[in-house]
Amino acid sequence: MVRRIILDKPDGWEWQLTAEMMRFLNGPVFRRYRDLREGLYTRPAETISDEDLLSWFQVQTNEMANLIGPLTNLLNRLNAAWGVPGQSGDANEIIHICKLLKEALERVVEQEERIEFAHVDEKFERLVTLLQDALGSQAQKFEEIPLKLDQAIALIGEDHEGTIEQPKIIHHSVEFSLPDNWNRDVERELKRLERHLTRNAGRQAGSGCTGFTIIIVIVLLLLIFSFS
């Protein structure tokens, strides 16, 4: 199918190629993520002590934030690879970007696995639970992109009122956002951890946990469809 699209290059072939590549490459990734969420497989557990939990938590949130950056860059590159209205896109670049996107989504699932199979004292399980699915559920929104591309392709040949001089432009956004009150809930659990560590160490409050901030907020990624 992919080879035929590249050889024939029908109208909108850039979007069609992207949709087929994403379905083929990302289907197993999203299936693995759903299997993880449904508890269909397991991995060796990593035991995190109370004393190491804050450091571990910071590492995980930093990694989650870092994983968003490549997804943003890849969609920007994908928009550029499609070419401007009236000009052909770059098939090799589209394929390359789709492969990189698949690898980026795999890293997201691997990160979710690290969180899912972390073992902490039951009194701090809520803190780990807040991390679970926070990023994976957002990355899963990429699964709808092929359908959006199919819908864009269906407009080709229709009266969409776009011209080369004034192309019709459709923006499809992929919004990464944390659940309501997520930061508040995390801060509450971190304060509980701080109090616990302070009591155990016999020190006064102020061990360094207070004021911990979460970097992941909202990121808006865009796909741009231009019709001439």
Protein backbone atom coordinates (compact mmCIF):
# COMPACT_ATOMS: atom_id res chain seq x y z
CA MET A 1 0.00 0.00 0.00
CA VAL A 2 2.75 2.45 0.97
CA ARG A 3 4.77 1.67 -2.15
CA ARG A 4 1.72 2.18 -4.36
CA ILE A 5 0.97 5.55 -2.77
CA ILE A 6 4.54 6.72 -3.40
CA LEU A 7 4.53 5.50 -7.01
CA ASP A 8 1.10 6.82 -7.98
CA LYS A 9 1.14 10.01 -5.91
CA PRO A 10 -2.62 10.70 -6.05
CA ASP A 11 -3.95 14.03 -4.76
CA GLY A 12 -3.32 14.20 -1.04
CA TRP A 13 -0.80 11.36 -1.20
CA GLU A 14 1.30 12.98 1.54
CA TRP A 15 -1.55 12.67 4.05
CA GLN A 16 -2.47 9.21 2.81
CA LEU A 17 1.13 8.02 3.19
CA THR A 18 1.30 9.47 6.70
CA ALA A 19 -1.97 7.82 7.74
CA GLU A 20 -0.89 4.39 6.46
CA MET A 21 2.54 4.65 8.07
CA MET A 22 1.09 5.71 11.41
CA ARG A 23 -1.46 2.90 11.43
CA PHE A 24 1.17 0.30 10.60
CA LEU A 25 3.91 1.55 12.93
CA ASN A 26 1.93 2.80 15.91
CA GLY A 27 -0.80 0.15 16.08
CA PRO A 28 1.37 -2.27 18.12
CA VAL A 29 2.53 0.57 20.38
CA PHE A 30 -0.99 1.60 21.30
CA ARG A 31 -1.99 -2.04 21.73
CA ARG A 32 0.89 -2.54 24.16
CA TYR A 33 -0.22 0.52 26.10
CA ARG A 34 -3.81 -0.72 26.37
CA ASP A 35 -2.52 -4.13 27.50
CA LEU A 36 -0.49 -2.37 30.20
CA ARG A 37 -3.49 -0.40 31.45
CA GLU A 38 -5.62 -3.54 31.51
CA GLY A 39 -3.00 -5.46 33.49
CA LEU A 40 -2.38 -8.10 30.83
CA TYR A 41 1.35 -8.43 31.47
CA THR A 42 3.94 -7.67 34.10
CA ARG A 43 7.60 -6.71 34.51
CA PRO A 44 10.10 -7.11 37.38
CA ALA A 45 9.15 -4.56 40.04
CA GLU A 46 11.52 -1.79 41.13
CA THR A 47 11.26 -1.25 44.88
CA ILE A 48 11.55 2.39 45.91
CA SER A 49 12.36 3.13 49.55
CA ASP A 50 10.67 6.01 51.36
CA GLU A 51 13.98 7.88 51.45
CA ASP A 52 14.46 7.53 47.69
CA LEU A 53 10.86 8.21 46.71
CA LEU A 54 11.17 11.99 46.27
CA SER A 55 14.24 11.67 44.06
CA TRP A 56 12.56 8.90 42.05
CA PHE A 57 9.43 11.01 41.62
CA GLN A 58 11.44 13.99 40.36
CA VAL A 59 13.26 11.79 37.85
CA GLN A 60 9.96 10.46 36.51
CA THR A 61 8.32 13.87 36.12
CA ASN A 62 11.43 15.28 34.44
CA GLU A 63 11.45 12.35 32.03
CA MET A 64 7.75 12.84 31.28
CA ALA A 65 8.38 16.49 30.45
CA ASN A 66 11.36 15.59 28.27
CA LEU A 67 9.30 13.10 26.26
CA ILE A 68 6.88 15.78 25.10
CA GLY A 69 9.55 17.85 23.32
CA PRO A 70 10.29 15.35 20.51
CA LEU A 71 6.58 14.86 19.84
CA THR A 72 6.20 18.60 19.30
CA ASN A 73 9.23 18.77 17.03
CA LEU A 74 8.13 15.77 15.00
CA LEU A 75 4.71 17.21 14.22
CA ASN A 76 6.34 20.46 13.14
CA ARG A 77 8.66 18.51 10.83
CA LEU A 78 5.73 16.48 9.53
CA ASN A 79 3.82 19.62 8.61
CA ALA A 80 6.89 20.84 6.70
CA ALA A 81 7.40 17.48 4.96
CA TRP A 82 3.90 17.65 3.48
CA GLY A 83 5.00 20.70 1.50
CA VAL A 84 3.22 23.95 0.79
CA PRO A 85 -0.07 24.02 -1.18
CA GLY A 86 0.52 23.26 -4.84
CA GLN A 87 3.89 21.58 -4.26
CA SER A 88 4.68 17.91 -3.71
CA GLY A 89 5.83 16.72 -0.32
CA ASP A 90 8.92 14.71 0.61
CA ALA A 91 8.09 10.98 0.82
CA ASN A 92 11.42 10.00 2.39
CA GLU A 93 11.07 12.68 5.05
CA ILE A 94 7.49 11.64 5.84
CA ILE A 95 8.55 8.01 6.30
CA HIS A 96 11.53 9.02 8.41
CA ILE A 97 9.42 11.20 10.68
CA CYS A 98 6.76 8.51 11.09
CA LYS A 99 9.46 6.06 12.22
CA LEU A 100 10.84 8.59 14.70
CA LEU A 101 7.33 9.23 15.99
CA LYS A 102 6.85 5.53 16.58
CA GLU A 103 10.10 5.43 18.58
CA ALA A 104 9.01 8.46 20.62
CA LEU A 105 5.69 6.82 21.46
CA GLU A 106 7.50 3.63 22.45
CA ARG A 107 9.56 5.67 24.94
CA VAL A 108 6.31 6.96 26.41
CA VAL A 109 5.03 3.41 26.93
CA GLU A 110 8.36 2.38 28.47
CA GLN A 111 8.08 5.31 30.86
CA GLU A 112 4.57 4.22 31.79
CA GLU A 113 5.90 0.73 32.46
CA ARG A 114 8.57 2.08 34.82
CA ILE A 115 5.88 3.85 36.79
CA GLU A 116 3.38 0.98 36.67
CA PHE A 117 5.85 -1.57 38.00
CA ALA A 118 7.38 0.59 40.73
CA HIS A 119 6.77 -0.74 44.25
CA VAL A 120 6.49 1.69 47.16
CA ASP A 121 5.15 1.53 50.69
CA GLU A 122 1.35 1.37 50.56
CA LYS A 123 0.99 4.70 52.37
CA PHE A 124 2.59 6.43 49.36
CA GLU A 125 0.95 4.45 46.58
CA ARG A 126 -1.32 7.42 45.83
CA LEU A 127 1.74 9.46 44.77
CA VAL A 128 2.73 6.82 42.23
CA THR A 129 -0.86 6.41 41.07
CA LEU A 130 -0.97 10.11 40.18
CA LEU A 131 1.85 9.51 37.68
CA GLN A 132 0.24 6.49 36.09
CA ASP A 133 -1.44 7.23 32.76
CA ALA A 134 -0.71 10.98 33.07
CA LEU A 135 1.47 11.06 29.95
CA GLY A 136 0.39 7.84 28.25
CA SER A 137 -3.23 8.90 28.04
CA GLN A 138 -2.14 12.09 26.31
CA ALA A 139 0.20 10.38 23.83
CA GLN A 140 -2.65 8.03 22.98
CA LYS A 141 -4.32 11.00 21.28
CA PHE A 142 -1.89 10.43 18.39
CA GLU A 143 -3.95 7.34 17.57
CA GLU A 144 -6.68 9.56 16.13
CA ILE A 145 -4.37 11.33 13.65
CA PRO A 146 -4.82 8.78 10.80
CA LEU A 147 -8.59 9.24 11.04
CA LYS A 148 -8.20 13.02 10.89
CA LEU A 149 -6.01 12.60 7.82
CA ASP A 150 -8.64 10.34 6.22
CA GLN A 151 -11.23 13.06 6.80
CA ALA A 152 -8.94 15.64 5.19
CA ILE A 153 -8.36 13.39 2.18
CA ALA A 154 -12.14 13.02 1.76
CA LEU A 155 -12.35 16.77 1.12
CA ILE A 156 -10.17 16.50 -1.97
CA GLY A 157 -12.26 17.04 -5.08
CA GLU A 158 -15.07 18.57 -3.01
CA ASP A 159 -15.99 22.24 -3.03
CA HIS A 160 -13.73 23.29 -0.13
CA GLU A 161 -13.27 26.82 -1.56
CA GLY A 162 -9.48 26.69 -1.26
CA THR A 163 -7.14 28.10 -3.93
CA ILE A 164 -3.36 28.22 -4.34
CA GLU A 165 -3.44 31.91 -3.46
CA GLN A 166 -5.80 31.42 -0.52
CA PRO A 167 -5.75 27.77 0.53
CA LYS A 168 -8.33 26.43 2.92
CA ILE A 169 -6.47 25.61 6.12
CA ILE A 170 -7.72 23.20 8.79
CA HIS A 171 -5.91 22.99 12.11
CA HIS A 172 -6.08 19.80 14.15
CA SER A 173 -4.66 20.15 17.64
CA VAL A 174 -3.33 17.48 19.98
CA GLU A 175 -3.52 18.92 23.48
CA PHE A 176 -1.43 17.53 26.31
CA SER A 177 -3.00 18.46 29.64
CA LEU A 178 -2.95 17.07 33.15
CA PRO A 179 -6.16 16.14 34.97
CA ASP A 180 -7.94 18.82 36.99
CA ASN A 181 -6.33 19.39 40.41
CA TRP A 182 -3.40 17.13 39.50
CA ASN A 183 -0.74 19.55 40.75
CA ARG A 184 -2.68 20.16 43.96
CA ASP A 185 -3.03 16.43 44.63
CA VAL A 186 0.66 15.83 43.95
CA GLU A 187 1.72 18.61 46.31
CA ARG A 188 -0.49 17.21 49.04
CA GLU A 189 1.08 13.77 48.69
CA LEU A 190 4.59 15.23 48.63
CA LYS A 191 3.89 17.08 51.87
CA ARG A 192 2.78 13.80 53.43
CA LEU A 193 6.08 12.26 52.32
CA GLU A 194 7.99 15.22 53.74
CA ARG A 195 6.31 14.90 57.14
CA HIS A 196 7.05 11.18 57.18
CA LEU A 197 10.73 11.65 56.36
CA THR A 198 11.05 14.49 58.87
CA ARG A 199 9.59 12.41 61.68
CA ASN A 200 11.80 9.43 60.86
CA ALA A 201 14.95 11.54 60.68
CA GLY A 202 14.11 13.53 63.79
CA ARG A 203 14.53 16.79 61.93
CA GLN A 204 12.33 19.86 61.68
CA ALA A 205 10.14 20.35 58.63
CA GLY A 206 11.89 21.85 55.62
CA SER A 207 13.76 18.84 54.32
CA GLY A 208 13.57 20.15 50.76
CA CYS A 209 10.29 18.64 49.62
CA THR A 210 8.22 21.77 50.17
CA GLY A 211 7.79 23.89 47.09
CA PHE A 212 8.38 21.04 44.65
CA THR A 213 6.82 22.04 41.34
CA ILE A 214 5.61 20.00 38.41
CA ILE A 215 6.76 21.16 34.99
CA ILE A 216 4.26 19.32 32.81
CA VAL A 217 1.30 21.61 32.18
CA ILE A 218 -0.32 22.00 28.75
CA VAL A 219 1.31 21.62 25.36
CA LEU A 220 -0.61 22.20 22.16
CA LEU A 221 0.60 20.30 19.10
CA LEU A 222 -0.76 21.17 15.67
CA LEU A 223 -1.31 19.43 12.37
CA ILE A 224 -2.11 21.80 9.54
CA PHE A 225 -4.08 20.70 6.47
CA SER A 226 -3.92 23.09 3.50
CA PHE A 227 -6.26 22.72 0.50
CA SER A 228 -5.65 24.52 -2.75
